[in-house]
Amino acid sequence: MIDSIATMIRAMQTLGIPVLFVEQLPDKLGAT
């Protein structure tokens, strides 16, 4: 699963999507 997350982050970086948004996701999932 870590590999898929890393791939997703890499894809988002390629698309220009802020990684900060991605870094906040684990906190939101953890809060749930």
C-alpha atoms as a PDB file:
ATOM      1  CA  MET A   1       0.000   0.000   0.000  1.00  0.00           C
ATOM      2  CA  ILE A   2       2.957   2.278   0.707  1.00  0.00           C
ATOM      3  CA  ASP A   3       4.087   1.817  -2.894  1.00  0.00           C
ATOM      4  CA  SER A   4       0.698   2.849  -4.254  1.00  0.00           C
ATOM      5  CA  ILE A   5       0.690   5.939  -2.030  1.00  0.00           C
ATOM      6  CA  ALA A   6       4.174   6.894  -3.204  1.00  0.00           C
ATOM      7  CA  THR A   7       3.057   6.401  -6.805  1.00  0.00           C
ATOM      8  CA  MET A   8      -0.026   8.537  -6.221  1.00  0.00           C
ATOM      9  CA  ILE A   9       2.071  11.320  -4.683  1.00  0.00           C
ATOM     10  CA  ARG A  10       4.506  11.144  -7.587  1.00  0.00           C
ATOM     11  CA  ALA A  11       1.617  11.360 -10.049  1.00  0.00           C
ATOM     12  CA  MET A  12       0.175  14.356  -8.216  1.00  0.00           C
ATOM     13  CA  GLN A  13       3.553  16.087  -8.268  1.00  0.00           C
ATOM     14  CA  THR A  14       3.672  15.483 -12.010  1.00  0.00           C
ATOM     15  CA  LEU A  15       0.212  17.001 -12.384  1.00  0.00           C
ATOM     16  CA  GLY A  16       1.229  19.911 -10.194  1.00  0.00           C
ATOM     17  CA  ILE A  17      -1.128  19.108  -7.327  1.00  0.00           C
ATOM     18  CA  PRO A  18       0.219  20.446  -4.005  1.00  0.00           C
ATOM     19  CA  VAL A  19       1.766  17.644  -1.964  1.00  0.00           C
ATOM     20  CA  LEU A  20       0.772  19.457   1.229  1.00  0.00           C
ATOM     21  CA  PHE A  21      -2.797  18.468   0.442  1.00  0.00           C
ATOM     22  CA  VAL A  22      -1.708  14.831   0.225  1.00  0.00           C
ATOM     23  CA  GLU A  23       0.263  15.063   3.453  1.00  0.00           C
ATOM     24  CA  GLN A  24      -2.871  16.197   5.291  1.00  0.00           C
ATOM     25  CA  LEU A  25      -4.880  13.153   4.193  1.00  0.00           C
ATOM     26  CA  PRO A  26      -3.329  10.678   6.699  1.00  0.00           C
ATOM     27  CA  ASP A  27      -4.246  13.030   9.551  1.00  0.00           C
ATOM     28  CA  LYS A  28      -7.852  13.243   8.355  1.00  0.00           C
ATOM     29  CA  LEU A  29      -8.050   9.474   7.898  1.00  0.00           C
ATOM     30  CA  GLY A  30      -6.481   8.960  11.321  1.00  0.00           C
ATOM     31  CA  ALA A  31      -8.975  11.328  12.917  1.00  0.00           C
ATOM     32  CA  THR A  32     -11.741   9.150  11.518  1.00  0.00           C
END
